[in-house]
Structure formats: C-alpha cells, structure tokens
Amino acid sequence: MRDLLECRDAIDDIDQKILKLLKERKAVALDIATYKLQHNQPITDKNRENEKISRLMQMALDLEISPLLVNDMYKIIMAHTVSDEQSFIVDKMSSRNYRRNTSVAYLGTTGTYSHLAAHKFLDSYAGKIQEKGCNSFADIIHAVESGICEFGVLPIENSSSGSINEVLDVIQTTKASIVGELFYPIDHSILCTDPATDLKDVTDIYSHPQPIAQCSHFISEHMPKARIHYTKATSDAMMLINEKKDKNIVAIGSKNAAIYYKLNSIVSDIANNHSNFTRFVVMSMTPISIPTFVDAKTSIIFTTKKYEPGSLVAVLNEFNRHHINLTKLHSRPREGQMNETWEEIFFADVQANLDTSVMQEIMSNLVEHTGELKILGCYASCEKEQRN
C-alpha cells in the first residue's frame, strides 16, 4: 500500500496529464473552428453536445464515476470550447492575430470582479496581457478612446441589482464599440485576515456599493450593527483589510481574489440572489464583424420622437414584425441634459446579427420612428452555459 505522500504525488501526475490533455483538446477545437469558418457552419451543435454528454455519463456509470460530476464538468468544458471557437473565428474575421499581445482596462486593481472577468474574456485567445486598473468607469472608456488600452471591460448589469446606470451613462456618448460580452458568476464572500473571525463581532464592512447592495440580506441578518464603508472597488476594500489586520474588520469580495491579498474567506455565497451573475461588455475602438453563422447580439441606443404618441411602440413593432427578440430594454435620462425638456434614452440588446438583411431593414425603418439612433456594437452572444 502506498503512503500518503506517494498517493499525493500520483494525483499530481494525473492532474498534470489532465491539463496537457485539455490543452490538446483545445488545439483540436481550434482546428474544428477553422473548418467551420471555411464552410460557414454554426459553432454550436446542441444535438451533438447533448448526445455526447449522455454518452459520457453512461461511460462514467460503467467506470463507477458520478455521472452528475461528468455532466457538470463537461458542460463547463464545452462552454469554454464554444467561447474559444467564437474568439478564434471573430479574430480571423477581424484580421486580428490569434494569441497576440494586448492590453485591457478594468475597474480597480488586481482581484476585482472586473479584473477576473477581463482575464476570463482574454485568456482564451490573447498572449501577454498588459493591465490597467482604473478608478472609474469613465477612466476605462478614456483608456480605450485614447489608445492606452485595446480593450475596456465594463460591468453593465447584475442578476441581483439590475442595470448599472453609471455604465449606461458613460457608453451613451463613447466612440468605442461593444465587441464582446461575458457573464461572470459573482460569489460574494466575507474576507478577513483571521480565519477565526466571528461574524457577530464584526464592527466594520468595506466594499464597493454594488456588493453591499447585493448582500444586504446577509448583512442585516448576521452583521446588523456593523458600520458600512464604501470603496471605489472591491480590491480597494481587500487592500484596506490587509493593511488594518483587525480581525473584526471585513471586506466583501470574490474568494478567488482573496489569495492576492492574503485574506481568508470565512463565508461564501452570501448574495441575496444565490444564482448571481454580472454581465460584462468589452469595449474597443475597433468594431468587429460577426459571421452570420455565429450567434450574435446587437446593442443600440435610441430616443423616440418627443411629440409623436406611440413612437416607442412603433420601434418595438419593427422587431416584433420580423420576429426578432429583445433581451434588454432599459431607459435612462439623457446624459448631460441642459435644457428644461426631459428626455429619455433607451438601451436595447437585440438577439440578431447586424449584418443580416433582416436587421439592416429594421435599422433602416427605425430611422423613421426615432429621434436619435446609434449602434453600440454587434458581437458574439454569450450562451447561458458560458456563465460558468
């Protein structure tokens, strides 16, 4: 019988083999992406994916491995494969070099959800990534518009707290385009320097306003007397906790980021909504063209004609008439209004590719029903499975 150390060494060897096989699998997947691009074939094939997972689950039973584990594991692997193939094809269509070096701006410093999301988006196809942490959403846009960074990552909405209005405001007037989206799972955790910290003794909580709002129920129930301090980013909160080294002062942030600041996660998954995701959009000064066989989304902003009753209905009817779905419709006051006439601007996400003849017809017709119409971008749509 092998001793504990030998067993651990054996597992380490197996894990290394698994990682090398995943790398080989990715290389084959990119060969498949090349074939699909050359033959205009869709990236996703749900029937094949479902058949494959069913077959793998049966193999797992035969090998006395949990089929549920195999199901969950391969759904994640396949979602990442789809994301890799999408990125590869979009880069080829945009004449960008796959695995090239790039740069990205995000909110805060190392360890913010924006930082983690930026890497989730870029790691699959970028080479060396130059990072720029920013103090505000406006700074992210400025970094992109000024050419400091090729990409900027912005959190646009959350499944718990809804649309992030500050982001909607800054993209109203930007010259940058949306070139991608991703959903990042938000697992808010209580982070502290001492793993023995007791919640009832916590005196102060530090975090960005969004996590505080998203975890309000947990805070009210377990730390009702704690003082709340807002920071510009969750990373700022983690940095403060690390510096203070007071066991009764905690931060709310990602447990995946705790390692960067030598903090302990004592409670995880504390959000009001336990299936909590943030949708991020990726901005760039270089718009992209999405092949028509890739599931795509088009984001637009528009105003209605002020003195024409039913003009919003007319806009919506254009999409309804062509059986095109809107996945988001949100209104905000127009940024920088100076006159006394209140005006709303509408943000819409359209589940369609801008380059199709149907969308071109819709956009042409919308000119008649809108006061202002602007295309924010057309980009590969993120599947629900890719939210893992």
Protein backbone atom coordinates (compact mmCIF):
# COMPACT_ATOMS: atom_id res chain seq x y z
CA MET A 1 0.00 0.00 0.00
CA ARG A 2 1.30 3.44 -0.95
CA ASP A 3 1.79 6.03 1.76
CA LEU A 4 0.07 9.44 1.75
CA LEU A 5 2.96 11.25 0.08
CA GLU A 6 3.14 8.71 -2.75
CA CYS A 7 -0.61 8.98 -3.30
CA ARG A 8 -0.44 12.76 -3.47
CA ASP A 9 2.45 12.59 -5.94
CA ALA A 10 0.41 10.19 -8.07
CA ILE A 11 -2.56 12.57 -8.07
CA ASP A 12 -0.27 15.46 -9.02
CA ASP A 13 0.98 13.43 -12.01
CA ILE A 14 -2.59 12.60 -13.07
CA ASP A 15 -3.63 16.26 -12.79
CA GLN A 16 -0.70 17.30 -14.99
CA LYS A 17 -1.79 14.74 -17.61
CA ILE A 18 -5.36 16.08 -17.46
CA LEU A 19 -4.13 19.64 -18.06
CA LYS A 20 -1.99 18.53 -21.01
CA LEU A 21 -4.98 16.68 -22.48
CA LEU A 22 -7.14 19.79 -22.07
CA LYS A 23 -4.50 21.73 -24.00
CA GLU A 24 -4.58 19.08 -26.76
CA ARG A 25 -8.38 19.20 -26.77
CA LYS A 26 -8.31 22.97 -27.22
CA ALA A 27 -5.93 22.67 -30.18
CA VAL A 28 -8.28 20.21 -31.89
CA ALA A 29 -11.25 22.51 -31.14
CA LEU A 30 -9.48 25.36 -32.94
CA ASP A 31 -8.94 23.08 -35.95
CA ILE A 32 -12.70 22.49 -35.88
CA ALA A 33 -13.26 26.26 -35.68
CA THR A 34 -11.11 26.73 -38.80
CA TYR A 35 -13.20 24.14 -40.66
CA LYS A 36 -16.45 25.77 -39.54
CA LEU A 37 -15.18 29.17 -40.67
CA GLN A 38 -14.21 27.83 -44.09
CA HIS A 39 -17.54 26.04 -44.56
CA ASN A 40 -19.86 28.60 -42.87
CA GLN A 41 -21.04 26.11 -40.29
CA PRO A 42 -22.53 27.14 -36.92
CA ILE A 43 -20.29 26.94 -33.88
CA THR A 44 -22.83 25.26 -31.62
CA ASP A 45 -24.49 21.92 -32.30
CA LYS A 46 -26.81 21.31 -29.36
CA ASN A 47 -27.90 17.86 -30.52
CA ARG A 48 -24.31 16.62 -30.71
CA GLU A 49 -23.44 18.22 -27.37
CA ASN A 50 -26.42 16.57 -25.64
CA GLU A 51 -25.69 13.19 -27.25
CA LYS A 52 -22.03 13.45 -26.25
CA ILE A 53 -22.80 14.30 -22.63
CA SER A 54 -25.32 11.43 -22.41
CA ARG A 55 -22.69 9.05 -23.79
CA LEU A 56 -20.05 10.32 -21.36
CA MET A 57 -22.43 9.99 -18.41
CA GLN A 58 -23.08 6.36 -19.36
CA MET A 59 -19.32 5.75 -19.59
CA ALA A 60 -18.98 7.34 -16.14
CA LEU A 61 -21.50 4.87 -14.71
CA ASP A 62 -19.55 1.98 -16.21
CA LEU A 63 -16.36 3.36 -14.63
CA GLU A 64 -18.10 3.93 -11.27
CA ILE A 65 -17.70 7.71 -11.56
CA SER A 66 -20.51 10.09 -10.64
CA PRO A 67 -22.45 10.92 -13.84
CA LEU A 68 -23.50 14.23 -12.28
CA LEU A 69 -19.84 15.18 -11.88
CA VAL A 70 -19.18 14.31 -15.52
CA ASN A 71 -22.27 16.24 -16.63
CA ASP A 72 -21.23 19.40 -14.77
CA MET A 73 -17.58 19.10 -15.78
CA TYR A 74 -18.23 18.64 -19.49
CA LYS A 75 -20.81 21.41 -19.64
CA ILE A 76 -18.10 23.76 -18.38
CA ILE A 77 -15.51 22.34 -20.79
CA MET A 78 -17.90 22.63 -23.74
CA ALA A 79 -18.87 26.18 -22.80
CA HIS A 80 -15.21 27.19 -22.77
CA THR A 81 -14.72 25.41 -26.10
CA VAL A 82 -17.55 27.43 -27.65
CA SER A 83 -16.02 30.62 -26.23
CA ASP A 84 -12.58 29.70 -27.61
CA GLU A 85 -14.01 28.93 -31.06
CA GLN A 86 -16.00 32.19 -31.09
CA SER A 87 -12.94 34.24 -30.15
CA PHE A 88 -10.82 32.45 -32.76
CA ILE A 89 -13.35 32.98 -35.57
CA VAL A 90 -14.06 36.61 -34.65
CA ASP A 91 -10.33 37.35 -34.60
CA LYS A 92 -9.89 35.73 -38.01
CA MET A 93 -12.82 37.71 -39.43
CA SER A 94 -11.43 40.92 -37.92
CA SER A 95 -7.90 40.30 -39.29
CA ARG A 96 -6.53 40.16 -35.75
CA ASN A 97 -3.72 37.83 -34.81
CA TYR A 98 -4.79 34.98 -32.55
CA ARG A 99 -2.67 34.74 -29.36
CA ARG A 100 -1.40 38.29 -29.94
CA ASN A 101 -0.34 40.54 -27.07
CA THR A 102 -2.99 43.02 -25.98
CA SER A 103 -3.98 45.45 -23.24
CA VAL A 104 -7.10 45.88 -21.13
CA ALA A 105 -8.55 48.44 -18.72
CA TYR A 106 -10.85 47.46 -15.87
CA LEU A 107 -12.23 48.88 -12.63
CA GLY A 108 -9.97 48.81 -9.59
CA THR A 109 -6.81 46.79 -9.17
CA THR A 110 -5.90 43.12 -9.07
CA GLY A 111 -8.69 40.96 -7.70
CA THR A 112 -11.79 42.93 -8.65
CA TYR A 113 -14.56 41.10 -10.46
CA SER A 114 -13.75 43.30 -13.46
CA HIS A 115 -10.13 42.08 -13.33
CA LEU A 116 -11.24 38.45 -13.10
CA ALA A 117 -13.77 38.95 -15.92
CA ALA A 118 -11.16 40.61 -18.15
CA HIS A 119 -8.94 37.56 -17.82
CA LYS A 120 -11.84 35.20 -18.45
CA PHE A 121 -12.52 37.03 -21.72
CA LEU A 122 -8.93 37.40 -22.91
CA ASP A 123 -7.05 34.40 -21.51
CA SER A 124 -8.57 32.00 -24.04
CA TYR A 125 -7.02 33.73 -27.06
CA ALA A 126 -4.68 36.56 -26.06
CA GLY A 127 -0.96 36.30 -25.47
CA LYS A 128 0.65 38.63 -22.93
CA ILE A 129 -1.92 40.97 -21.38
CA GLN A 130 -0.94 44.45 -20.23
CA GLU A 131 -3.33 45.51 -17.47
CA LYS A 132 -4.52 48.95 -16.41
CA GLY A 133 -6.62 49.34 -13.27
CA CYS A 134 -8.90 52.39 -13.35
CA ASN A 135 -10.64 54.45 -10.68
CA SER A 136 -13.93 54.90 -12.54
CA PHE A 137 -15.96 53.65 -15.49
CA ALA A 138 -15.21 56.93 -17.29
CA ASP A 139 -11.48 56.26 -16.87
CA ILE A 140 -11.92 52.85 -18.53
CA ILE A 141 -13.60 54.47 -21.53
CA HIS A 142 -10.88 57.13 -21.68
CA ALA A 143 -8.16 54.45 -21.68
CA VAL A 144 -9.81 52.81 -24.70
CA GLU A 145 -10.61 56.02 -26.61
CA SER A 146 -7.11 57.43 -26.10
CA GLY A 147 -5.44 54.23 -27.30
CA ILE A 148 -3.82 53.41 -23.96
CA CYS A 149 -5.63 50.05 -23.97
CA GLU A 150 -7.10 47.97 -26.78
CA PHE A 151 -9.98 46.74 -24.62
CA GLY A 152 -12.03 48.01 -21.70
CA VAL A 153 -14.22 45.76 -19.56
CA LEU A 154 -17.38 47.26 -18.03
CA PRO A 155 -19.99 45.62 -15.77
CA ILE A 156 -23.31 46.56 -17.35
CA GLU A 157 -25.90 44.61 -15.35
CA ASN A 158 -26.28 42.20 -12.47
CA SER A 159 -28.85 39.47 -11.97
CA SER A 160 -29.50 40.73 -8.43
CA SER A 161 -29.32 44.54 -8.60
CA GLY A 162 -30.16 45.10 -12.27
CA SER A 163 -28.62 47.58 -14.70
CA ILE A 164 -25.57 49.56 -13.61
CA ASN A 165 -26.67 53.06 -14.52
CA GLU A 166 -23.24 54.68 -14.26
CA VAL A 167 -22.03 52.39 -17.05
CA LEU A 168 -25.08 53.08 -19.21
CA ASP A 169 -24.36 56.78 -18.78
CA VAL A 170 -20.72 56.59 -19.92
CA ILE A 171 -21.47 54.48 -23.00
CA GLN A 172 -24.14 56.94 -24.20
CA THR A 173 -21.50 59.21 -25.70
CA THR A 174 -18.46 56.98 -26.21
CA LYS A 175 -16.91 56.47 -29.63
CA ALA A 176 -15.88 52.95 -28.63
CA SER A 177 -17.89 49.90 -29.69
CA ILE A 178 -19.04 46.84 -27.79
CA VAL A 179 -17.07 43.90 -29.21
CA GLY A 180 -17.92 41.19 -26.70
CA GLU A 181 -19.87 40.16 -23.64
CA LEU A 182 -19.45 37.63 -20.88
CA PHE A 183 -21.29 36.54 -17.76
CA TYR A 184 -19.17 36.17 -14.64
CA PRO A 185 -20.51 34.28 -11.60
CA ILE A 186 -20.46 36.55 -8.56
CA ASP A 187 -19.68 34.60 -5.41
CA HIS A 188 -19.53 37.30 -2.76
CA SER A 189 -17.63 36.23 0.33
CA ILE A 190 -16.71 37.62 3.73
CA LEU A 191 -12.95 38.16 3.62
CA CYS A 192 -10.74 38.86 6.63
CA THR A 193 -7.21 38.44 7.94
CA ASP A 194 -8.12 35.97 10.69
CA PRO A 195 -9.94 32.71 9.79
CA ALA A 196 -11.31 32.61 13.34
CA THR A 197 -13.28 35.88 12.92
CA ASP A 198 -16.81 35.63 14.33
CA LEU A 199 -19.49 37.49 12.35
CA LYS A 200 -21.22 38.74 15.50
CA ASP A 201 -18.03 40.60 16.46
CA VAL A 202 -17.59 42.37 13.11
CA THR A 203 -17.55 46.15 13.56
CA ASP A 204 -16.85 47.40 10.03
CA ILE A 205 -17.54 46.21 6.49
CA TYR A 206 -15.70 47.55 3.43
CA SER A 207 -16.72 47.04 -0.19
CA HIS A 208 -17.93 48.63 -3.42
CA PRO A 209 -21.60 49.81 -3.29
CA GLN A 210 -22.74 47.05 -5.68
CA PRO A 211 -21.69 44.08 -3.49
CA ILE A 212 -23.07 45.85 -0.41
CA ALA A 213 -26.47 46.16 -2.13
CA GLN A 214 -26.34 42.60 -3.44
CA CYS A 215 -25.59 41.18 0.04
CA SER A 216 -27.99 43.37 2.04
CA HIS A 217 -29.99 40.44 3.47
CA PHE A 218 -26.91 38.66 4.83
CA ILE A 219 -25.54 41.88 6.31
CA SER A 220 -28.86 42.70 8.02
CA GLU A 221 -29.17 39.21 9.47
CA HIS A 222 -25.60 38.50 10.58
CA MET A 223 -23.89 41.90 10.98
CA PRO A 224 -26.69 44.43 11.59
CA LYS A 225 -24.60 46.74 13.80
CA ALA A 226 -21.51 46.83 11.60
CA ARG A 227 -20.59 50.15 10.01
CA ILE A 228 -20.54 50.09 6.22
CA HIS A 229 -17.75 51.82 4.30
CA TYR A 230 -17.89 52.20 0.52
CA THR A 231 -14.77 51.83 -1.62
CA LYS A 232 -14.18 52.52 -5.31
CA ALA A 233 -13.59 48.82 -5.96
CA THR A 234 -13.66 45.53 -4.07
CA SER A 235 -9.89 45.33 -4.47
CA ASP A 236 -9.54 48.60 -2.51
CA ALA A 237 -11.55 47.02 0.29
CA MET A 238 -9.36 43.91 0.34
CA MET A 239 -6.22 46.04 0.37
CA LEU A 240 -7.53 48.03 3.35
CA ILE A 241 -8.36 44.88 5.30
CA ASN A 242 -4.91 43.50 4.63
CA GLU A 243 -3.32 46.73 5.91
CA LYS A 244 -5.52 47.09 9.01
CA LYS A 245 -5.06 43.48 10.17
CA ASP A 246 -8.02 43.78 12.54
CA LYS A 247 -9.94 40.51 12.88
CA ASN A 248 -13.23 42.37 13.37
CA ILE A 249 -12.99 44.35 10.13
CA VAL A 250 -14.02 42.52 6.96
CA ALA A 251 -14.36 43.05 3.24
CA ILE A 252 -16.91 41.69 0.79
CA GLY A 253 -15.38 40.42 -2.42
CA SER A 254 -14.50 37.40 -4.51
CA LYS A 255 -12.98 34.42 -2.75
CA ASN A 256 -10.98 33.85 -5.95
CA ALA A 257 -9.30 37.20 -5.35
CA ALA A 258 -8.59 36.66 -1.64
CA ILE A 259 -5.27 34.99 -2.42
CA TYR A 260 -3.93 38.21 -3.96
CA TYR A 261 -4.28 39.98 -0.61
CA LYS A 262 -3.53 37.08 1.77
CA LEU A 263 -7.09 37.07 3.11
CA ASN A 264 -9.31 34.26 4.32
CA SER A 265 -12.81 33.55 3.04
CA ILE A 266 -14.87 32.62 6.10
CA VAL A 267 -18.33 32.65 4.46
CA SER A 268 -19.08 32.42 0.75
CA ASP A 269 -22.15 32.75 -1.48
CA ILE A 270 -23.74 35.49 0.64
CA ALA A 271 -25.60 37.39 -2.09
CA ASN A 272 -29.37 37.91 -1.89
CA ASN A 273 -29.63 36.02 -5.17
CA HIS A 274 -27.65 32.80 -4.91
CA SER A 275 -27.53 32.47 -8.68
CA ASN A 276 -25.77 35.80 -9.03
CA PHE A 277 -24.10 36.83 -12.28
CA THR A 278 -22.74 40.07 -13.62
CA ARG A 279 -22.85 40.69 -17.34
CA PHE A 280 -19.77 42.49 -18.63
CA VAL A 281 -19.34 44.16 -22.01
CA VAL A 282 -15.98 44.57 -23.71
CA MET A 283 -15.28 47.91 -25.40
CA SER A 284 -12.83 48.62 -28.22
CA MET A 285 -12.20 51.38 -30.76
CA THR A 286 -12.15 48.72 -33.49
CA PRO A 287 -15.65 47.37 -34.25
CA ILE A 288 -15.87 43.75 -35.32
CA SER A 289 -17.92 41.87 -37.90
CA ILE A 290 -19.58 38.67 -36.73
CA PRO A 291 -20.10 35.81 -39.22
CA THR A 292 -23.79 35.17 -39.77
CA PHE A 293 -23.41 31.56 -38.59
CA VAL A 294 -22.27 32.74 -35.14
CA ASP A 295 -24.99 33.56 -32.60
CA ALA A 296 -24.77 37.33 -32.27
CA LYS A 297 -26.26 40.21 -30.36
CA THR A 298 -26.58 43.85 -31.44
CA SER A 299 -26.74 46.67 -28.88
CA ILE A 300 -28.31 50.01 -29.78
CA ILE A 301 -29.39 53.23 -28.09
CA PHE A 302 -32.20 55.42 -29.35
CA THR A 303 -34.56 58.23 -28.43
CA THR A 304 -38.17 58.40 -29.51
CA LYS A 305 -39.72 61.35 -31.31
CA LYS A 306 -40.94 63.58 -28.49
CA TYR A 307 -44.24 64.72 -29.94
CA GLU A 308 -45.34 61.53 -31.68
CA PRO A 309 -47.58 59.36 -29.46
CA GLY A 310 -46.79 55.68 -29.79
CA SER A 311 -43.31 56.16 -31.22
CA LEU A 312 -41.80 53.66 -28.75
CA VAL A 313 -44.46 51.12 -29.71
CA ALA A 314 -43.58 51.71 -33.36
CA VAL A 315 -39.94 50.89 -32.61
CA LEU A 316 -40.85 47.69 -30.77
CA ASN A 317 -43.26 46.67 -33.52
CA GLU A 318 -40.43 46.74 -36.05
CA PHE A 319 -38.69 43.97 -34.12
CA ASN A 320 -41.92 42.09 -33.45
CA ARG A 321 -42.89 42.20 -37.14
CA HIS A 322 -39.64 40.47 -38.06
CA HIS A 323 -39.79 38.02 -35.10
CA ILE A 324 -36.62 39.45 -33.57
CA ASN A 325 -36.26 39.22 -29.79
CA LEU A 326 -35.03 41.98 -27.47
CA THR A 327 -33.11 40.63 -24.48
CA LYS A 328 -32.85 44.04 -22.80
CA LEU A 329 -34.74 47.34 -22.89
CA HIS A 330 -33.80 50.00 -20.36
CA SER A 331 -34.34 53.75 -20.24
CA ARG A 332 -32.14 56.44 -18.70
CA PRO A 333 -32.23 60.24 -18.69
CA ARG A 334 -30.05 61.55 -21.48
CA GLU A 335 -26.55 62.26 -20.18
CA GLY A 336 -25.65 65.97 -19.93
CA GLN A 337 -29.15 67.43 -20.39
CA MET A 338 -29.04 71.20 -20.03
CA ASN A 339 -32.49 72.28 -21.17
CA GLU A 340 -35.78 72.03 -19.33
CA THR A 341 -37.20 69.34 -21.62
CA TRP A 342 -36.74 65.94 -20.02
CA GLU A 343 -35.60 63.29 -22.48
CA GLU A 344 -35.15 59.56 -22.01
CA ILE A 345 -32.68 57.46 -23.97
CA PHE A 346 -33.35 53.75 -24.47
CA PHE A 347 -30.78 50.96 -24.40
CA ALA A 348 -31.70 47.77 -26.23
CA ASP A 349 -29.98 44.45 -26.81
CA VAL A 350 -31.24 42.72 -29.93
CA GLN A 351 -30.83 38.99 -30.40
CA ALA A 352 -29.70 39.23 -34.02
CA ASN A 353 -26.67 39.83 -36.21
CA LEU A 354 -26.40 43.37 -37.54
CA ASP A 355 -25.06 42.11 -40.89
CA THR A 356 -28.18 40.13 -41.76
CA SER A 357 -30.62 41.56 -44.31
CA VAL A 358 -33.43 41.48 -41.73
CA MET A 359 -31.50 43.64 -39.26
CA GLN A 360 -30.42 46.04 -41.99
CA GLU A 361 -34.07 46.50 -42.95
CA ILE A 362 -35.10 47.03 -39.32
CA MET A 363 -32.38 49.61 -38.71
CA SER A 364 -33.39 51.46 -41.87
CA ASN A 365 -37.03 51.53 -40.77
CA LEU A 366 -36.15 52.67 -37.24
CA VAL A 367 -34.83 55.96 -38.59
CA GLU A 368 -38.44 57.00 -39.21
CA HIS A 369 -39.51 56.31 -35.62
CA THR A 370 -36.52 57.57 -33.62
CA GLY A 371 -35.05 60.96 -32.83
CA GLU A 372 -31.56 59.52 -32.43
CA LEU A 373 -30.29 56.04 -33.26
CA LYS A 374 -26.81 54.72 -32.51
CA ILE A 375 -25.33 51.25 -32.89
CA LEU A 376 -23.17 50.40 -29.87
CA GLY A 377 -21.86 47.20 -31.42
CA CYS A 378 -22.52 43.73 -32.78
CA TYR A 379 -20.73 40.85 -31.06
CA ALA A 380 -20.84 37.13 -30.33
CA SER A 381 -23.64 36.29 -27.92
CA CYS A 382 -22.64 34.61 -24.69
CA GLU A 383 -24.52 31.33 -24.17
CA LYS A 384 -26.07 30.63 -20.77
CA GLU A 385 -23.73 27.66 -20.41
CA GLN A 386 -20.78 30.03 -20.75
CA ARG A 387 -21.73 31.70 -17.47
CA ASN A 388 -19.82 29.06 -15.54
